């Protein structure tokens, strides 16, 4: 078990990925930033999809920057969360939205 969170474009191609083991509490950071706590199912994601607008992803990125303004480049989880959000934002800007799977 664990959290496998995928961002995909409109063609269904994976554009972002974040992985957390089932005991890694840092998974909740990404759920929280995306305001997607309803997809958090404890040891994994709920297995559901959600579509996020450009504004929602920008809001998540802004919250990340406020909370982790001195971002610890040595912290793997914070780096993968930032990479995930930035990749989703890049796609959302091109396609007006991005789909995310919470597995």
N, C-alpha and C. Protein backbone atom coordinates (compact mmCIF):
# COMPACT_ATOMS: atom_id res chain seq x y z
N UNK A 1 0.84 -1.18 0.00
CA UNK A 1 0.00 0.00 0.00
C UNK A 1 0.88 1.24 0.00
N UNK A 2 0.31 2.32 -0.40
CA UNK A 2 1.01 3.60 -0.44
C UNK A 2 0.20 4.57 -1.26
N UNK A 3 0.71 5.76 -1.38
CA UNK A 3 0.05 6.82 -2.14
C UNK A 3 0.77 7.00 -3.47
N UNK A 4 0.09 6.68 -4.56
CA UNK A 4 0.59 6.91 -5.91
C UNK A 4 -0.32 7.95 -6.54
N UNK A 5 0.21 9.14 -6.72
CA UNK A 5 -0.60 10.25 -7.21
C UNK A 5 -0.06 10.66 -8.58
N UNK A 6 -0.94 10.61 -9.59
CA UNK A 6 -0.57 10.89 -10.97
C UNK A 6 -1.28 12.13 -11.48
N UNK A 7 -0.57 12.95 -12.22
CA UNK A 7 -1.19 14.02 -12.98
C UNK A 7 -1.15 13.61 -14.44
N UNK A 8 -2.25 13.80 -15.15
CA UNK A 8 -2.30 13.42 -16.57
C UNK A 8 -2.87 14.57 -17.40
N UNK A 9 -2.44 14.62 -18.65
CA UNK A 9 -2.96 15.64 -19.56
C UNK A 9 -4.24 15.13 -20.20
N UNK A 10 -4.82 15.92 -21.09
CA UNK A 10 -6.09 15.55 -21.71
C UNK A 10 -5.98 14.31 -22.59
N UNK A 11 -4.77 14.02 -23.08
CA UNK A 11 -4.56 12.82 -23.89
C UNK A 11 -4.38 11.58 -23.01
N UNK A 12 -4.34 11.78 -21.69
CA UNK A 12 -4.18 10.67 -20.77
C UNK A 12 -2.73 10.31 -20.47
N UNK A 13 -1.81 11.14 -20.94
CA UNK A 13 -0.38 10.90 -20.71
C UNK A 13 0.03 11.42 -19.34
N UNK A 14 0.81 10.60 -18.60
CA UNK A 14 1.28 11.01 -17.28
C UNK A 14 2.25 12.18 -17.42
N UNK A 15 1.98 13.25 -16.67
CA UNK A 15 2.84 14.44 -16.71
C UNK A 15 3.43 14.76 -15.34
N UNK A 16 2.93 14.08 -14.32
CA UNK A 16 3.43 14.31 -12.96
C UNK A 16 3.17 13.05 -12.13
N UNK A 17 4.08 12.80 -11.18
CA UNK A 17 3.93 11.62 -10.33
C UNK A 17 4.55 11.89 -8.97
N UNK A 18 3.85 11.48 -7.93
CA UNK A 18 4.38 11.56 -6.57
C UNK A 18 4.05 10.24 -5.87
N UNK A 19 5.03 9.73 -5.12
CA UNK A 19 4.87 8.44 -4.44
C UNK A 19 5.25 8.59 -2.97
N UNK A 20 4.37 8.11 -2.12
CA UNK A 20 4.61 8.13 -0.68
C UNK A 20 4.27 6.75 -0.13
N UNK A 21 5.10 6.20 0.75
CA UNK A 21 4.77 4.93 1.39
C UNK A 21 3.56 5.14 2.31
N UNK A 22 2.92 4.05 2.69
CA UNK A 22 1.68 4.18 3.46
C UNK A 22 1.89 4.84 4.81
N UNK A 23 3.09 4.79 5.35
CA UNK A 23 3.34 5.41 6.65
C UNK A 23 3.94 6.80 6.56
N UNK A 24 4.09 7.32 5.35
CA UNK A 24 4.73 8.62 5.17
C UNK A 24 3.70 9.74 5.30
N UNK A 25 3.73 10.44 6.43
CA UNK A 25 2.76 11.50 6.69
C UNK A 25 2.90 12.68 5.72
N UNK A 26 4.03 12.77 5.00
CA UNK A 26 4.21 13.88 4.06
C UNK A 26 3.21 13.83 2.90
N UNK A 27 2.60 12.68 2.68
CA UNK A 27 1.56 12.59 1.65
C UNK A 27 0.45 13.59 1.93
N UNK A 28 0.16 13.81 3.20
CA UNK A 28 -0.94 14.72 3.56
C UNK A 28 -0.63 16.15 3.14
N UNK A 29 0.63 16.49 2.99
CA UNK A 29 1.00 17.84 2.53
C UNK A 29 0.45 18.08 1.14
N UNK A 30 0.66 17.12 0.24
CA UNK A 30 0.18 17.29 -1.14
C UNK A 30 -1.35 17.31 -1.19
N UNK A 31 -1.99 16.41 -0.47
CA UNK A 31 -3.47 16.42 -0.43
C UNK A 31 -3.97 17.78 0.05
N UNK A 32 -3.36 18.27 1.10
CA UNK A 32 -3.77 19.54 1.69
C UNK A 32 -3.56 20.71 0.73
N UNK A 33 -2.39 20.77 0.11
CA UNK A 33 -2.11 21.86 -0.83
C UNK A 33 -3.11 21.88 -1.98
N UNK A 34 -3.52 20.70 -2.42
CA UNK A 34 -4.49 20.61 -3.52
C UNK A 34 -5.93 20.72 -3.05
N UNK A 35 -6.11 20.87 -1.72
CA UNK A 35 -7.45 20.88 -1.12
C UNK A 35 -8.22 19.64 -1.56
N UNK A 36 -7.53 18.50 -1.46
CA UNK A 36 -8.07 17.22 -1.93
C UNK A 36 -8.09 16.19 -0.81
N UNK A 37 -8.30 16.64 0.42
CA UNK A 37 -8.27 15.72 1.56
C UNK A 37 -9.31 14.62 1.47
N UNK A 38 -10.39 14.86 0.74
CA UNK A 38 -11.42 13.82 0.62
C UNK A 38 -10.92 12.60 -0.15
N UNK A 39 -9.78 12.75 -0.86
CA UNK A 39 -9.20 11.63 -1.60
C UNK A 39 -8.17 10.87 -0.78
N UNK A 40 -7.87 11.35 0.43
CA UNK A 40 -6.92 10.69 1.31
C UNK A 40 -7.64 9.57 2.04
N UNK A 41 -7.14 8.34 1.87
CA UNK A 41 -7.81 7.18 2.47
C UNK A 41 -6.89 6.45 3.46
N UNK A 42 -6.04 7.19 4.13
CA UNK A 42 -5.17 6.60 5.15
C UNK A 42 -3.90 6.02 4.56
N UNK A 43 -3.92 4.71 4.26
CA UNK A 43 -2.71 4.06 3.76
C UNK A 43 -2.51 4.24 2.26
N UNK A 44 -3.48 4.85 1.59
CA UNK A 44 -3.39 5.12 0.15
C UNK A 44 -4.40 6.19 -0.22
N UNK A 45 -4.42 6.50 -1.50
CA UNK A 45 -5.46 7.40 -1.99
C UNK A 45 -6.76 6.63 -2.16
N UNK A 46 -7.82 7.35 -2.44
CA UNK A 46 -9.15 6.74 -2.54
C UNK A 46 -9.38 5.99 -3.85
N UNK A 47 -8.50 6.19 -4.83
CA UNK A 47 -8.69 5.57 -6.13
C UNK A 47 -9.55 6.40 -7.06
N UNK A 48 -9.74 7.65 -6.71
CA UNK A 48 -10.59 8.54 -7.51
C UNK A 48 -9.77 9.57 -8.27
N UNK A 49 -10.41 10.13 -9.28
CA UNK A 49 -9.83 11.20 -10.11
C UNK A 49 -10.47 12.53 -9.75
N UNK A 50 -9.72 13.60 -9.96
CA UNK A 50 -10.27 14.95 -9.84
C UNK A 50 -9.62 15.83 -10.90
N UNK A 51 -10.36 16.80 -11.38
CA UNK A 51 -9.83 17.74 -12.36
C UNK A 51 -9.59 19.08 -11.67
N UNK A 52 -8.41 19.65 -11.92
CA UNK A 52 -8.01 20.90 -11.29
C UNK A 52 -7.80 21.97 -12.35
N UNK A 53 -8.30 23.16 -12.06
CA UNK A 53 -8.13 24.31 -12.95
C UNK A 53 -6.75 24.93 -12.75
N UNK A 54 -6.40 25.83 -13.65
CA UNK A 54 -5.15 26.58 -13.52
C UNK A 54 -5.14 27.29 -12.16
N UNK A 55 -6.24 27.93 -11.82
CA UNK A 55 -6.32 28.70 -10.58
C UNK A 55 -6.10 27.82 -9.35
N UNK A 56 -6.66 26.62 -9.36
CA UNK A 56 -6.49 25.71 -8.22
C UNK A 56 -5.03 25.28 -8.06
N UNK A 57 -4.37 25.00 -9.17
CA UNK A 57 -2.97 24.58 -9.11
C UNK A 57 -2.08 25.76 -8.72
N UNK A 58 -2.40 26.95 -9.25
CA UNK A 58 -1.64 28.14 -8.84
C UNK A 58 -1.78 28.40 -7.35
N UNK A 59 -2.99 28.20 -6.83
CA UNK A 59 -3.24 28.38 -5.39
C UNK A 59 -2.39 27.39 -4.59
N UNK A 60 -2.33 26.15 -5.05
CA UNK A 60 -1.52 25.13 -4.37
C UNK A 60 -0.04 25.52 -4.38
N UNK A 61 0.43 26.03 -5.51
CA UNK A 61 1.83 26.44 -5.61
C UNK A 61 2.11 27.63 -4.70
N UNK A 62 1.20 28.58 -4.65
CA UNK A 62 1.38 29.74 -3.76
C UNK A 62 1.40 29.32 -2.30
N UNK A 63 0.52 28.40 -1.92
CA UNK A 63 0.51 27.90 -0.55
C UNK A 63 1.83 27.19 -0.23
N UNK A 64 2.30 26.40 -1.19
CA UNK A 64 3.58 25.70 -1.00
C UNK A 64 4.69 26.71 -0.73
N UNK A 65 4.74 27.75 -1.56
CA UNK A 65 5.80 28.76 -1.43
C UNK A 65 5.71 29.51 -0.11
N UNK A 66 4.51 29.73 0.39
CA UNK A 66 4.35 30.39 1.69
C UNK A 66 4.82 29.50 2.83
N UNK A 67 4.46 28.23 2.76
CA UNK A 67 4.79 27.30 3.84
C UNK A 67 6.25 26.86 3.82
N UNK A 68 6.80 26.74 2.62
CA UNK A 68 8.15 26.20 2.47
C UNK A 68 9.04 27.16 1.70
N UNK A 69 8.95 28.44 2.06
CA UNK A 69 9.67 29.49 1.31
C UNK A 69 11.17 29.26 1.26
N UNK A 70 11.71 28.59 2.25
CA UNK A 70 13.14 28.28 2.24
C UNK A 70 13.38 26.85 1.78
N UNK A 71 12.42 26.29 1.05
CA UNK A 71 12.44 24.92 0.56
C UNK A 71 13.74 24.16 0.78
N UNK A 72 13.65 23.09 1.50
CA UNK A 72 14.81 22.26 1.80
C UNK A 72 15.06 21.33 0.61
N UNK A 73 16.07 21.64 -0.19
CA UNK A 73 16.36 20.86 -1.38
C UNK A 73 16.83 19.45 -1.03
N UNK A 74 17.16 19.22 0.23
CA UNK A 74 17.58 17.89 0.67
C UNK A 74 16.39 17.02 1.07
N UNK A 75 15.22 17.63 1.21
CA UNK A 75 14.02 16.88 1.61
C UNK A 75 13.34 16.35 0.35
N UNK A 76 13.48 15.07 0.11
CA UNK A 76 12.97 14.44 -1.10
C UNK A 76 11.47 14.66 -1.26
N UNK A 77 10.70 14.50 -0.17
CA UNK A 77 9.25 14.63 -0.28
C UNK A 77 8.83 16.04 -0.67
N UNK A 78 9.45 17.06 -0.08
CA UNK A 78 9.10 18.44 -0.45
C UNK A 78 9.47 18.71 -1.90
N UNK A 79 10.58 18.16 -2.35
CA UNK A 79 10.99 18.35 -3.74
C UNK A 79 10.01 17.68 -4.70
N UNK A 80 9.60 16.45 -4.38
CA UNK A 80 8.66 15.77 -5.29
C UNK A 80 7.30 16.46 -5.28
N UNK A 81 6.89 17.02 -4.16
CA UNK A 81 5.63 17.76 -4.10
C UNK A 81 5.72 19.00 -4.98
N UNK A 82 6.80 19.75 -4.86
CA UNK A 82 6.98 20.94 -5.69
C UNK A 82 7.02 20.58 -7.16
N UNK A 83 7.78 19.55 -7.52
CA UNK A 83 7.86 19.11 -8.91
C UNK A 83 6.48 18.71 -9.43
N UNK A 84 5.72 17.98 -8.61
CA UNK A 84 4.39 17.55 -9.00
C UNK A 84 3.50 18.75 -9.32
N UNK A 85 3.47 19.71 -8.41
CA UNK A 85 2.62 20.89 -8.59
C UNK A 85 3.06 21.69 -9.82
N UNK A 86 4.36 21.88 -9.98
CA UNK A 86 4.86 22.65 -11.12
C UNK A 86 4.54 21.96 -12.44
N UNK A 87 4.68 20.64 -12.49
CA UNK A 87 4.35 19.91 -13.72
C UNK A 87 2.86 19.98 -14.03
N UNK A 88 2.04 19.89 -12.99
CA UNK A 88 0.60 20.01 -13.20
C UNK A 88 0.24 21.41 -13.68
N UNK A 89 0.89 22.42 -13.12
CA UNK A 89 0.61 23.79 -13.53
C UNK A 89 1.00 24.02 -14.99
N UNK A 90 2.12 23.49 -15.38
CA UNK A 90 2.56 23.63 -16.78
C UNK A 90 1.52 23.05 -17.73
N UNK A 91 1.00 21.89 -17.41
CA UNK A 91 -0.02 21.27 -18.24
C UNK A 91 -1.34 22.05 -18.18
N UNK A 92 -1.74 22.46 -16.99
CA UNK A 92 -2.99 23.21 -16.84
C UNK A 92 -2.94 24.51 -17.65
N UNK A 93 -1.79 25.15 -17.68
CA UNK A 93 -1.67 26.40 -18.46
C UNK A 93 -1.84 26.14 -19.95
N UNK A 94 -1.41 24.98 -20.42
CA UNK A 94 -1.55 24.63 -21.83
C UNK A 94 -2.96 24.16 -22.17
N UNK A 95 -3.57 23.44 -21.21
CA UNK A 95 -4.84 22.75 -21.51
C UNK A 95 -6.02 23.25 -20.68
N UNK A 96 -5.80 24.25 -19.85
CA UNK A 96 -6.83 24.86 -19.00
C UNK A 96 -7.21 24.04 -17.78
N UNK A 97 -6.74 22.79 -17.70
CA UNK A 97 -6.99 21.96 -16.52
C UNK A 97 -6.03 20.78 -16.56
N UNK A 98 -5.99 20.06 -15.45
CA UNK A 98 -5.19 18.84 -15.35
C UNK A 98 -5.95 17.86 -14.49
N UNK A 99 -5.89 16.57 -14.85
CA UNK A 99 -6.56 15.53 -14.06
C UNK A 99 -5.54 14.90 -13.14
N UNK A 100 -5.98 14.59 -11.93
CA UNK A 100 -5.11 13.96 -10.95
C UNK A 100 -5.80 12.71 -10.41
N UNK A 101 -5.02 11.63 -10.35
CA UNK A 101 -5.49 10.36 -9.80
C UNK A 101 -4.84 10.16 -8.44
N UNK A 102 -5.66 9.85 -7.45
CA UNK A 102 -5.19 9.63 -6.09
C UNK A 102 -5.30 8.13 -5.78
N UNK A 103 -4.21 7.43 -5.96
CA UNK A 103 -4.22 5.97 -5.75
C UNK A 103 -3.41 5.56 -4.56
